């Protein structure tokens, strides 16, 4: 009986120790705060709003893109478009950028 109890205590101790050793990803919000445009910097003139809407529509209508790509942030300011957010691959990044460039009126795309 003592052997069973000792084994049980040992198993519980090992599981607690392994659970505590999992690293936590650092919060890099402060480091990236000034890293580029954010959605609140979206241009408020009609042309910028229409440009963002057209690009967003083109991206979300492409069902070959992942959910990540569908949720890329599109920020337009004076005809310049900034794309922010994760995608699954470099090919997907290029596809999203190509869609933004294909929309009439885009002068620059920052990806």
PDB file of N, CA and C in Angstrom:
ATOM      1  N   UNK A   1       0.812  -1.194   0.000  1.00  0.00           N
ATOM      2  CA  UNK A   1       0.000   0.000   0.000  1.00  0.00           C
ATOM      3  C   UNK A   1       0.858   1.262   0.000  1.00  0.00           C
ATOM      4  N   UNK A   2       1.948   1.220   0.796  1.00  0.00           N
ATOM      5  CA  UNK A   2       2.842   2.369   0.837  1.00  0.00           C
ATOM      6  C   UNK A   2       3.480   2.630  -0.526  1.00  0.00           C
ATOM      7  N   UNK A   3       3.796   1.543  -1.245  1.00  0.00           N
ATOM      8  CA  UNK A   3       4.407   1.674  -2.569  1.00  0.00           C
ATOM      9  C   UNK A   3       3.454   2.349  -3.543  1.00  0.00           C
ATOM     10  N   UNK A   4       2.165   2.002  -3.457  1.00  0.00           N
ATOM     11  CA  UNK A   4       1.160   2.604  -4.330  1.00  0.00           C
ATOM     12  C   UNK A   4       1.001   4.092  -4.009  1.00  0.00           C
ATOM     13  N   UNK A   5       0.986   4.411  -2.735  1.00  0.00           N
ATOM     14  CA  UNK A   5       0.859   5.807  -2.314  1.00  0.00           C
ATOM     15  C   UNK A   5       2.078   6.620  -2.770  1.00  0.00           C
ATOM     16  N   UNK A   6       3.268   6.067  -2.632  1.00  0.00           N
ATOM     17  CA  UNK A   6       4.494   6.759  -3.049  1.00  0.00           C
ATOM     18  C   UNK A   6       4.498   6.981  -4.559  1.00  0.00           C
ATOM     19  N   UNK A   7       4.040   5.986  -5.317  1.00  0.00           N
ATOM     20  CA  UNK A   7       3.966   6.116  -6.773  1.00  0.00           C
ATOM     21  C   UNK A   7       2.982   7.209  -7.162  1.00  0.00           C
ATOM     22  N   UNK A   8       1.847   7.258  -6.482  1.00  0.00           N
ATOM     23  CA  UNK A   8       0.837   8.275  -6.762  1.00  0.00           C
ATOM     24  C   UNK A   8       1.387   9.675  -6.489  1.00  0.00           C
ATOM     25  N   UNK A   9       2.060   9.852  -5.375  1.00  0.00           N
ATOM     26  CA  UNK A   9       2.652  11.146  -5.032  1.00  0.00           C
ATOM     27  C   UNK A   9       3.707  11.531  -6.072  1.00  0.00           C
ATOM     28  N   UNK A  10       4.516  10.586  -6.506  1.00  0.00           N
ATOM     29  CA  UNK A  10       5.548  10.843  -7.499  1.00  0.00           C
ATOM     30  C   UNK A  10       4.932  11.281  -8.830  1.00  0.00           C
ATOM     31  N   UNK A  11       3.861  10.612  -9.252  1.00  0.00           N
ATOM     32  CA  UNK A  11       3.184  10.969 -10.509  1.00  0.00           C
ATOM     33  C   UNK A  11       2.586  12.373 -10.447  1.00  0.00           C
ATOM     34  N   UNK A  12       1.962  12.692  -9.349  1.00  0.00           N
ATOM     35  CA  UNK A  12       1.369  14.025  -9.195  1.00  0.00           C
ATOM     36  C   UNK A  12       2.464  15.087  -9.205  1.00  0.00           C
ATOM     37  N   UNK A  13       3.549  14.829  -8.516  1.00  0.00           N
ATOM     38  CA  UNK A  13       4.661  15.783  -8.477  1.00  0.00           C
ATOM     39  C   UNK A  13       5.264  16.012  -9.855  1.00  0.00           C
ATOM     40  N   UNK A  14       5.407  14.950 -10.638  1.00  0.00           N
ATOM     41  CA  UNK A  14       5.967  15.093 -11.991  1.00  0.00           C
ATOM     42  C   UNK A  14       5.033  15.877 -12.898  1.00  0.00           C
ATOM     43  N   UNK A  15       3.736  15.625 -12.785  1.00  0.00           N
ATOM     44  CA  UNK A  15       2.797  16.333 -13.658  1.00  0.00           C
ATOM     45  C   UNK A  15       2.740  17.820 -13.311  1.00  0.00           C
ATOM     46  N   UNK A  16       2.830  18.148 -12.036  1.00  0.00           N
ATOM     47  CA  UNK A  16       2.832  19.555 -11.633  1.00  0.00           C
ATOM     48  C   UNK A  16       4.112  20.227 -12.111  1.00  0.00           C
ATOM     49  N   UNK A  17       5.237  19.554 -11.994  1.00  0.00           N
ATOM     50  CA  UNK A  17       6.513  20.129 -12.419  1.00  0.00           C
ATOM     51  C   UNK A  17       6.541  20.365 -13.925  1.00  0.00           C
ATOM     52  N   UNK A  18       6.017  19.418 -14.700  1.00  0.00           N
ATOM     53  CA  UNK A  18       6.028  19.600 -16.157  1.00  0.00           C
ATOM     54  C   UNK A  18       5.068  20.705 -16.584  1.00  0.00           C
ATOM     55  N   UNK A  19       3.977  20.873 -15.868  1.00  0.00           N
ATOM     56  CA  UNK A  19       3.027  21.933 -16.207  1.00  0.00           C
ATOM     57  C   UNK A  19       3.626  23.309 -15.936  1.00  0.00           C
ATOM     58  N   UNK A  20       4.490  23.403 -14.955  1.00  0.00           N
ATOM     59  CA  UNK A  20       5.087  24.683 -14.601  1.00  0.00           C
ATOM     60  C   UNK A  20       6.232  25.069 -15.525  1.00  0.00           C
ATOM     61  N   UNK A  21       6.794  24.131 -16.286  1.00  0.00           N
ATOM     62  CA  UNK A  21       7.954  24.415 -17.106  1.00  0.00           C
ATOM     63  C   UNK A  21       7.610  24.913 -18.503  1.00  0.00           C
ATOM     64  N   UNK A  22       6.358  25.034 -18.859  1.00  0.00           N
ATOM     65  CA  UNK A  22       5.991  25.509 -20.183  1.00  0.00           C
ATOM     66  C   UNK A  22       6.257  27.008 -20.271  1.00  0.00           C
ATOM     67  N   UNK A  23       7.074  27.416 -21.257  1.00  0.00           N
ATOM     68  CA  UNK A  23       7.404  28.839 -21.367  1.00  0.00           C
ATOM     69  C   UNK A  23       6.199  29.659 -21.819  1.00  0.00           C
ATOM     70  N   UNK A  24       6.166  30.872 -21.371  1.00  0.00           N
ATOM     71  CA  UNK A  24       5.098  31.796 -21.742  1.00  0.00           C
ATOM     72  C   UNK A  24       5.658  32.754 -22.776  1.00  0.00           C
ATOM     73  N   UNK A  25       4.917  32.957 -23.854  1.00  0.00           N
ATOM     74  CA  UNK A  25       5.366  33.893 -24.881  1.00  0.00           C
ATOM     75  C   UNK A  25       5.329  35.307 -24.310  1.00  0.00           C
ATOM     76  N   UNK A  26       6.367  36.086 -24.588  1.00  0.00           N
ATOM     77  CA  UNK A  26       6.404  37.444 -24.047  1.00  0.00           C
ATOM     78  C   UNK A  26       5.362  38.333 -24.710  1.00  0.00           C
ATOM     79  N   UNK A  27       4.854  39.249 -23.961  1.00  0.00           N
ATOM     80  CA  UNK A  27       3.916  40.239 -24.491  1.00  0.00           C
ATOM     81  C   UNK A  27       4.750  41.325 -25.155  1.00  0.00           C
ATOM     82  N   UNK A  28       4.670  41.398 -26.491  1.00  0.00           N
ATOM     83  CA  UNK A  28       5.496  42.367 -27.208  1.00  0.00           C
ATOM     84  C   UNK A  28       4.703  43.595 -27.638  1.00  0.00           C
ATOM     85  N   UNK A  29       3.584  43.844 -26.998  1.00  0.00           N
ATOM     86  CA  UNK A  29       2.754  44.989 -27.352  1.00  0.00           C
ATOM     87  C   UNK A  29       3.525  46.295 -27.209  1.00  0.00           C
ATOM     88  N   UNK A  30       4.213  46.459 -26.114  1.00  0.00           N
ATOM     89  CA  UNK A  30       4.960  47.697 -25.882  1.00  0.00           C
ATOM     90  C   UNK A  30       6.079  47.856 -26.916  1.00  0.00           C
ATOM     91  N   UNK A  31       6.746  46.769 -27.254  1.00  0.00           N
ATOM     92  CA  UNK A  31       7.852  46.843 -28.216  1.00  0.00           C
ATOM     93  C   UNK A  31       7.362  47.195 -29.612  1.00  0.00           C
ATOM     94  N   UNK A  32       6.163  46.770 -29.972  1.00  0.00           N
ATOM     95  CA  UNK A  32       5.636  46.993 -31.316  1.00  0.00           C
ATOM     96  C   UNK A  32       4.664  48.162 -31.407  1.00  0.00           C
ATOM     97  N   UNK A  33       4.481  48.883 -30.338  1.00  0.00           N
ATOM     98  CA  UNK A  33       3.480  49.945 -30.294  1.00  0.00           C
ATOM     99  C   UNK A  33       3.667  50.967 -31.406  1.00  0.00           C
ATOM    100  N   UNK A  34       4.884  51.368 -31.674  1.00  0.00           N
ATOM    101  CA  UNK A  34       5.147  52.388 -32.686  1.00  0.00           C
ATOM    102  C   UNK A  34       5.672  51.767 -33.977  1.00  0.00           C
ATOM    103  N   UNK A  35       5.338  50.504 -34.220  1.00  0.00           N
ATOM    104  CA  UNK A  35       5.882  49.779 -35.355  1.00  0.00           C
ATOM    105  C   UNK A  35       5.202  50.040 -36.679  1.00  0.00           C
ATOM    106  N   UNK A  36       4.207  50.851 -36.753  1.00  0.00           N
ATOM    107  CA  UNK A  36       3.547  51.119 -38.025  1.00  0.00           C
ATOM    108  C   UNK A  36       2.137  51.612 -37.806  1.00  0.00           C
ATOM    109  N   UNK A  37       1.419  51.726 -38.918  1.00  0.00           N
ATOM    110  CA  UNK A  37       0.053  52.238 -38.830  1.00  0.00           C
ATOM    111  C   UNK A  37      -0.876  51.242 -38.148  1.00  0.00           C
ATOM    112  N   UNK A  38      -1.888  51.781 -37.521  1.00  0.00           N
ATOM    113  CA  UNK A  38      -2.928  50.964 -36.916  1.00  0.00           C
ATOM    114  C   UNK A  38      -4.268  51.376 -37.500  1.00  0.00           C
ATOM    115  N   UNK A  39      -5.284  50.574 -37.247  1.00  0.00           N
ATOM    116  CA  UNK A  39      -6.598  50.811 -37.847  1.00  0.00           C
ATOM    117  C   UNK A  39      -7.184  52.170 -37.479  1.00  0.00           C
ATOM    118  N   UNK A  40      -6.816  52.702 -36.334  1.00  0.00           N
ATOM    119  CA  UNK A  40      -7.367  54.007 -35.956  1.00  0.00           C
ATOM    120  C   UNK A  40      -6.771  55.150 -36.773  1.00  0.00           C
ATOM    121  N   UNK A  41      -5.787  54.850 -37.603  1.00  0.00           N
ATOM    122  CA  UNK A  41      -5.199  55.864 -38.471  1.00  0.00           C
ATOM    123  C   UNK A  41      -5.801  55.835 -39.876  1.00  0.00           C
ATOM    124  N   UNK A  42      -6.860  55.066 -40.042  1.00  0.00           N
ATOM    125  CA  UNK A  42      -7.559  54.986 -41.323  1.00  0.00           C
ATOM    126  C   UNK A  42      -8.001  56.374 -41.759  1.00  0.00           C
ATOM    127  N   UNK A  43      -7.737  56.708 -43.018  1.00  0.00           N
ATOM    128  CA  UNK A  43      -8.171  57.993 -43.549  1.00  0.00           C
ATOM    129  C   UNK A  43      -9.685  58.115 -43.513  1.00  0.00           C
ATOM    130  N   UNK A  44     -10.187  59.274 -43.218  1.00  0.00           N
ATOM    131  CA  UNK A  44     -11.631  59.456 -43.089  1.00  0.00           C
ATOM    132  C   UNK A  44     -12.271  60.040 -44.340  1.00  0.00           C
ATOM    133  N   UNK A  45     -11.472  60.364 -45.366  1.00  0.00           N
ATOM    134  CA  UNK A  45     -12.103  60.896 -46.563  1.00  0.00           C
ATOM    135  C   UNK A  45     -12.762  59.758 -47.346  1.00  0.00           C
ATOM    136  N   UNK A  46     -13.679  60.098 -48.190  1.00  0.00           N
ATOM    137  CA  UNK A  46     -14.495  59.106 -48.892  1.00  0.00           C
ATOM    138  C   UNK A  46     -13.641  58.181 -49.761  1.00  0.00           C
ATOM    139  N   UNK A  47     -12.625  58.713 -50.414  1.00  0.00           N
ATOM    140  CA  UNK A  47     -11.792  57.893 -51.287  1.00  0.00           C
ATOM    141  C   UNK A  47     -11.055  56.806 -50.500  1.00  0.00           C
ATOM    142  N   UNK A  48     -10.515  57.159 -49.347  1.00  0.00           N
ATOM    143  CA  UNK A  48      -9.817  56.169 -48.526  1.00  0.00           C
ATOM    144  C   UNK A  48     -10.772  55.102 -48.008  1.00  0.00           C
ATOM    145  N   UNK A  49     -11.938  55.510 -47.579  1.00  0.00           N
ATOM    146  CA  UNK A  49     -12.922  54.536 -47.086  1.00  0.00           C
ATOM    147  C   UNK A  49     -13.353  53.585 -48.197  1.00  0.00           C
ATOM    148  N   UNK A  50     -13.589  54.121 -49.398  1.00  0.00           N
ATOM    149  CA  UNK A  50     -13.995  53.284 -50.535  1.00  0.00           C
ATOM    150  C   UNK A  50     -12.866  52.328 -50.935  1.00  0.00           C
ATOM    151  N   UNK A  51     -11.644  52.820 -50.911  1.00  0.00           N
ATOM    152  CA  UNK A  51     -10.488  52.005 -51.257  1.00  0.00           C
ATOM    153  C   UNK A  51     -10.350  50.832 -50.292  1.00  0.00           C
ATOM    154  N   UNK A  52     -10.446  51.110 -49.011  1.00  0.00           N
ATOM    155  CA  UNK A  52     -10.375  50.057 -48.000  1.00  0.00           C
ATOM    156  C   UNK A  52     -11.497  49.052 -48.194  1.00  0.00           C
ATOM    157  N   UNK A  53     -12.692  49.534 -48.446  1.00  0.00           N
ATOM    158  CA  UNK A  53     -13.845  48.654 -48.638  1.00  0.00           C
ATOM    159  C   UNK A  53     -13.644  47.742 -49.851  1.00  0.00           C
ATOM    160  N   UNK A  54     -13.151  48.277 -50.948  1.00  0.00           N
ATOM    161  CA  UNK A  54     -12.952  47.477 -52.159  1.00  0.00           C
ATOM    162  C   UNK A  54     -11.870  46.416 -51.961  1.00  0.00           C
ATOM    163  N   UNK A  55     -10.795  46.781 -51.290  1.00  0.00           N
ATOM    164  CA  UNK A  55      -9.723  45.815 -51.037  1.00  0.00           C
ATOM    165  C   UNK A  55     -10.210  44.731 -50.088  1.00  0.00           C
ATOM    166  N   UNK A  56     -10.892  45.138 -49.025  1.00  0.00           N
ATOM    167  CA  UNK A  56     -11.434  44.165 -48.068  1.00  0.00           C
ATOM    168  C   UNK A  56     -12.356  43.178 -48.779  1.00  0.00           C
ATOM    169  N   UNK A  57     -13.211  43.672 -49.659  1.00  0.00           N
ATOM    170  CA  UNK A  57     -14.139  42.810 -50.395  1.00  0.00           C
ATOM    171  C   UNK A  57     -13.377  41.825 -51.281  1.00  0.00           C
ATOM    172  N   UNK A  58     -12.357  42.302 -51.981  1.00  0.00           N
ATOM    173  CA  UNK A  58     -11.575  41.428 -52.852  1.00  0.00           C
ATOM    174  C   UNK A  58     -10.872  40.326 -52.058  1.00  0.00           C
ATOM    175  N   UNK A  59     -10.364  40.668 -50.901  1.00  0.00           N
ATOM    176  CA  UNK A  59      -9.665  39.680 -50.070  1.00  0.00           C
ATOM    177  C   UNK A  59     -10.640  38.650 -49.514  1.00  0.00           C
ATOM    178  N   UNK A  60     -11.757  39.098 -48.973  1.00  0.00           N
ATOM    179  CA  UNK A  60     -12.691  38.165 -48.332  1.00  0.00           C
ATOM    180  C   UNK A  60     -13.449  37.306 -49.333  1.00  0.00           C
ATOM    181  N   UNK A  61     -13.566  37.755 -50.573  1.00  0.00           N
ATOM    182  CA  UNK A  61     -14.255  36.942 -51.578  1.00  0.00           C
ATOM    183  C   UNK A  61     -13.384  35.806 -52.102  1.00  0.00           C
ATOM    184  N   UNK A  62     -12.090  35.865 -51.881  1.00  0.00           N
ATOM    185  CA  UNK A  62     -11.185  34.814 -52.339  1.00  0.00           C
ATOM    186  C   UNK A  62     -11.188  33.679 -51.317  1.00  0.00           C
ATOM    187  N   UNK A  63     -11.916  32.623 -51.626  1.00  0.00           N
ATOM    188  CA  UNK A  63     -12.076  31.511 -50.679  1.00  0.00           C
ATOM    189  C   UNK A  63     -10.831  30.632 -50.582  1.00  0.00           C
ATOM    190  N   UNK A  64      -9.839  30.849 -51.463  1.00  0.00           N
ATOM    191  CA  UNK A  64      -8.605  30.071 -51.371  1.00  0.00           C
ATOM    192  C   UNK A  64      -7.689  30.602 -50.266  1.00  0.00           C
ATOM    193  N   UNK A  65      -7.978  31.799 -49.775  1.00  0.00           N
ATOM    194  CA  UNK A  65      -7.171  32.388 -48.706  1.00  0.00           C
ATOM    195  C   UNK A  65      -7.635  31.887 -47.341  1.00  0.00           C
ATOM    196  N   UNK A  66      -6.724  31.853 -46.399  1.00  0.00           N
ATOM    197  CA  UNK A  66      -7.042  31.393 -45.043  1.00  0.00           C
ATOM    198  C   UNK A  66      -7.827  32.450 -44.274  1.00  0.00           C
ATOM    199  N   UNK A  67      -8.331  32.044 -43.133  1.00  0.00           N
ATOM    200  CA  UNK A  67      -9.030  32.974 -42.249  1.00  0.00           C
ATOM    201  C   UNK A  67      -8.088  34.089 -41.811  1.00  0.00           C
ATOM    202  N   UNK A  68      -6.820  33.745 -41.611  1.00  0.00           N
ATOM    203  CA  UNK A  68      -5.840  34.774 -41.249  1.00  0.00           C
ATOM    204  C   UNK A  68      -5.791  35.861 -42.316  1.00  0.00           C
ATOM    205  N   UNK A  69      -5.694  35.452 -43.581  1.00  0.00           N
ATOM    206  CA  UNK A  69      -5.620  36.428 -44.674  1.00  0.00           C
ATOM    207  C   UNK A  69      -6.905  37.238 -44.768  1.00  0.00           C
ATOM    208  N   UNK A  70      -8.043  36.584 -44.546  1.00  0.00           N
ATOM    209  CA  UNK A  70      -9.323  37.299 -44.596  1.00  0.00           C
ATOM    210  C   UNK A  70      -9.403  38.379 -43.518  1.00  0.00           C
ATOM    211  N   UNK A  71      -8.621  38.228 -42.466  1.00  0.00           N
ATOM    212  CA  UNK A  71      -8.666  39.181 -41.358  1.00  0.00           C
ATOM    213  C   UNK A  71      -7.491  40.154 -41.331  1.00  0.00           C
ATOM    214  N   UNK A  72      -6.734  40.224 -42.413  1.00  0.00           N
ATOM    215  CA  UNK A  72      -5.649  41.201 -42.497  1.00  0.00           C
ATOM    216  C   UNK A  72      -6.244  42.597 -42.385  1.00  0.00           C
ATOM    217  N   UNK A  73      -5.591  43.441 -41.628  1.00  0.00           N
ATOM    218  CA  UNK A  73      -6.067  44.826 -41.486  1.00  0.00           C
ATOM    219  C   UNK A  73      -5.655  45.619 -42.717  1.00  0.00           C
ATOM    220  N   UNK A  74      -6.609  46.333 -43.296  1.00  0.00           N
ATOM    221  CA  UNK A  74      -6.372  47.174 -44.466  1.00  0.00           C
ATOM    222  C   UNK A  74      -6.549  48.620 -44.023  1.00  0.00           C
ATOM    223  N   UNK A  75      -5.499  49.412 -44.148  1.00  0.00           N
ATOM    224  CA  UNK A  75      -5.529  50.815 -43.732  1.00  0.00           C
ATOM    225  C   UNK A  75      -5.173  51.666 -44.944  1.00  0.00           C
ATOM    226  N   UNK A  76      -6.069  52.552 -45.327  1.00  0.00           N
ATOM    227  CA  UNK A  76      -5.826  53.443 -46.471  1.00  0.00           C
ATOM    228  C   UNK A  76      -5.716  54.872 -45.977  1.00  0.00           C
ATOM    229  N   UNK A  77      -4.695  55.545 -46.470  1.00  0.00           N
ATOM    230  CA  UNK A  77      -4.498  56.940 -46.092  1.00  0.00           C
ATOM    231  C   UNK A  77      -3.886  57.679 -47.281  1.00  0.00           C
ATOM    232  N   UNK A  78      -4.690  58.569 -47.871  1.00  0.00           N
ATOM    233  CA  UNK A  78      -4.267  59.345 -49.038  1.00  0.00           C
ATOM    234  C   UNK A  78      -3.808  58.462 -50.196  1.00  0.00           C
ATOM    235  N   UNK A  79      -4.532  57.362 -50.424  1.00  0.00           N
ATOM    236  CA  UNK A  79      -4.223  56.464 -51.534  1.00  0.00           C
ATOM    237  C   UNK A  79      -3.151  55.435 -51.245  1.00  0.00           C
ATOM    238  N   UNK A  80      -2.468  55.560 -50.122  1.00  0.00           N
ATOM    239  CA  UNK A  80      -1.460  54.585 -49.724  1.00  0.00           C
ATOM    240  C   UNK A  80      -2.126  53.542 -48.841  1.00  0.00           C
ATOM    241  N   UNK A  81      -1.895  52.274 -49.163  1.00  0.00           N
ATOM    242  CA  UNK A  81      -2.527  51.180 -48.433  1.00  0.00           C
ATOM    243  C   UNK A  81      -1.478  50.463 -47.598  1.00  0.00           C
ATOM    244  N   UNK A  82      -1.803  50.215 -46.335  1.00  0.00           N
ATOM    245  CA  UNK A  82      -0.954  49.433 -45.451  1.00  0.00           C
ATOM    246  C   UNK A  82      -1.713  48.171 -45.080  1.00  0.00           C
ATOM    247  N   UNK A  83      -1.057  47.018 -45.227  1.00  0.00           N
ATOM    248  CA  UNK A  83      -1.638  45.727 -44.859  1.00  0.00           C
ATOM    249  C   UNK A  83      -0.900  45.232 -43.628  1.00  0.00           C
ATOM    250  N   UNK A  84      -1.657  44.821 -42.604  1.00  0.00           N
ATOM    251  CA  UNK A  84      -1.054  44.346 -41.360  1.00  0.00           C
ATOM    252  C   UNK A  84      -1.763  43.101 -40.890  1.00  0.00           C
ATOM    253  N   UNK A  85      -0.985  42.169 -40.373  1.00  0.00           N
ATOM    254  CA  UNK A  85      -1.553  40.968 -39.785  1.00  0.00           C
ATOM    255  C   UNK A  85      -0.893  39.713 -40.318  1.00  0.00           C
ATOM    256  N   UNK A  86      -1.091  38.603 -39.616  1.00  0.00           N
ATOM    257  CA  UNK A  86      -0.462  37.344 -40.022  1.00  0.00           C
ATOM    258  C   UNK A  86      -1.203  36.683 -41.179  1.00  0.00           C
ATOM    259  N   UNK A  87      -0.457  35.910 -41.966  1.00  0.00           N
ATOM    260  CA  UNK A  87      -1.019  35.055 -43.012  1.00  0.00           C
ATOM    261  C   UNK A  87      -0.322  33.705 -42.903  1.00  0.00           C
ATOM    262  N   UNK A  88      -0.816  32.717 -43.630  1.00  0.00           N
ATOM    263  CA  UNK A  88      -0.271  31.363 -43.513  1.00  0.00           C
ATOM    264  C   UNK A  88       1.084  31.175 -44.202  1.00  0.00           C
ATOM    265  N   UNK A  89       1.354  31.916 -45.283  1.00  0.00           N
ATOM    266  CA  UNK A  89       2.582  31.684 -46.047  1.00  0.00           C
ATOM    267  C   UNK A  89       2.976  32.934 -46.824  1.00  0.00           C
ATOM    268  N   UNK A  90       4.168  32.882 -47.398  1.00  0.00           N
ATOM    269  CA  UNK A  90       4.635  33.981 -48.250  1.00  0.00           C
ATOM    270  C   UNK A  90       3.762  34.094 -49.500  1.00  0.00           C
ATOM    271  N   UNK A  91       3.300  32.943 -50.029  1.00  0.00           N
ATOM    272  CA  UNK A  91       2.421  32.965 -51.206  1.00  0.00           C
ATOM    273  C   UNK A  91       1.122  33.694 -50.894  1.00  0.00           C
ATOM    274  N   UNK A  92       0.582  33.437 -49.712  1.00  0.00           N
ATOM    275  CA  UNK A  92      -0.658  34.097 -49.313  1.00  0.00           C
ATOM    276  C   UNK A  92      -0.427  35.599 -49.115  1.00  0.00           C
ATOM    277  N   UNK A  93       0.700  35.943 -48.558  1.00  0.00           N
ATOM    278  CA  UNK A  93       1.045  37.358 -48.388  1.00  0.00           C
ATOM    279  C   UNK A  93       1.105  38.048 -49.748  1.00  0.00           C
ATOM    280  N   UNK A  94       1.738  37.386 -50.714  1.00  0.00           N
ATOM    281  CA  UNK A  94       1.842  37.954 -52.061  1.00  0.00           C
ATOM    282  C   UNK A  94       0.471  38.076 -52.717  1.00  0.00           C
ATOM    283  N   UNK A  95      -0.409  37.097 -52.479  1.00  0.00           N
ATOM    284  CA  UNK A  95      -1.753  37.137 -53.067  1.00  0.00           C
ATOM    285  C   UNK A  95      -2.563  38.307 -52.514  1.00  0.00           C
ATOM    286  N   UNK A  96      -2.483  38.526 -51.216  1.00  0.00           N
ATOM    287  CA  UNK A  96      -3.210  39.642 -50.597  1.00  0.00           C
ATOM    288  C   UNK A  96      -2.653  40.966 -51.119  1.00  0.00           C
ATOM    289  N   UNK A  97      -1.347  41.061 -51.217  1.00  0.00           N
ATOM    290  CA  UNK A  97      -0.731  42.289 -51.726  1.00  0.00           C
ATOM    291  C   UNK A  97      -1.130  42.540 -53.181  1.00  0.00           C
ATOM    292  N   UNK A  98      -1.176  41.487 -53.989  1.00  0.00           N
ATOM    293  CA  UNK A  98      -1.564  41.637 -55.395  1.00  0.00           C
ATOM    294  C   UNK A  98      -2.996  42.131 -55.520  1.00  0.00           C
ATOM    295  N   UNK A  99      -3.874  41.639 -54.667  1.00  0.00           N
ATOM    296  CA  UNK A  99      -5.268  42.098 -54.695  1.00  0.00           C
ATOM    297  C   UNK A  99      -5.345  43.586 -54.355  1.00  0.00           C
ATOM    298  N   UNK A 100      -4.568  44.007 -53.368  1.00  0.00           N
ATOM    299  CA  UNK A 100      -4.575  45.423 -52.989  1.00  0.00           C
ATOM    300  C   UNK A 100      -4.046  46.288 -54.128  1.00  0.00           C
ATOM    301  N   UNK A 101      -2.989  45.830 -54.791  1.00  0.00           N
ATOM    302  CA  UNK A 101      -2.403  46.604 -55.886  1.00  0.00           C
ATOM    303  C   UNK A 101      -3.318  46.663 -57.101  1.00  0.00           C
ATOM    304  N   UNK A 102      -4.145  45.627 -57.274  1.00  0.00           N
ATOM    305  CA  UNK A 102      -5.021  45.568 -58.442  1.00  0.00           C
ATOM    306  C   UNK A 102      -6.196  46.538 -58.352  1.00  0.00           C
ATOM    307  N   UNK A 103      -6.519  46.992 -57.150  1.00  0.00           N
ATOM    308  CA  UNK A 103      -7.650  47.906 -56.977  1.00  0.00           C
ATOM    309  C   UNK A 103      -7.260  49.285 -57.513  1.00  0.00           C
ATOM    310  N   UNK A 104      -8.132  49.853 -58.320  1.00  0.00           N
ATOM    311  CA  UNK A 104      -7.849  51.159 -58.942  1.00  0.00           C
ATOM    312  C   UNK A 104      -7.620  52.228 -57.882  1.00  0.00           C
ATOM    313  N   UNK A 105      -6.643  53.086 -58.110  1.00  0.00           N
ATOM    314  CA  UNK A 105      -6.384  54.204 -57.214  1.00  0.00           C
ATOM    315  C   UNK A 105      -5.299  53.953 -56.195  1.00  0.00           C
ATOM    316  N   UNK A 106      -4.841  52.707 -56.067  1.00  0.00           N
ATOM    317  CA  UNK A 106      -3.791  52.435 -55.092  1.00  0.00           C
ATOM    318  C   UNK A 106      -2.471  52.938 -55.657  1.00  0.00           C
ATOM    319  N   UNK A 107      -1.842  53.838 -54.958  1.00  0.00           N
ATOM    320  CA  UNK A 107      -0.553  54.354 -55.408  1.00  0.00           C
ATOM    321  C   UNK A 107       0.598  53.595 -54.768  1.00  0.00           C
ATOM    322  N   UNK A 108       0.459  53.190 -53.511  1.00  0.00           N
ATOM    323  CA  UNK A 108       1.503  52.464 -52.802  1.00  0.00           C
ATOM    324  C   UNK A 108       0.859  51.440 -51.879  1.00  0.00           C
ATOM    325  N   UNK A 109       1.465  50.238 -51.799  1.00  0.00           N
ATOM    326  CA  UNK A 109       1.019  49.227 -50.842  1.00  0.00           C
ATOM    327  C   UNK A 109       2.199  48.881 -49.952  1.00  0.00           C
ATOM    328  N   UNK A 110       2.044  49.076 -48.658  1.00  0.00           N
ATOM    329  CA  UNK A 110       3.045  48.684 -47.664  1.00  0.00           C
ATOM    330  C   UNK A 110       2.573  47.384 -47.054  1.00  0.00           C
ATOM    331  N   UNK A 111       3.391  46.361 -47.179  1.00  0.00           N
ATOM    332  CA  UNK A 111       2.978  45.045 -46.695  1.00  0.00           C
ATOM    333  C   UNK A 111       4.006  44.562 -45.703  1.00  0.00           C
TER     334      UNK A 111
END
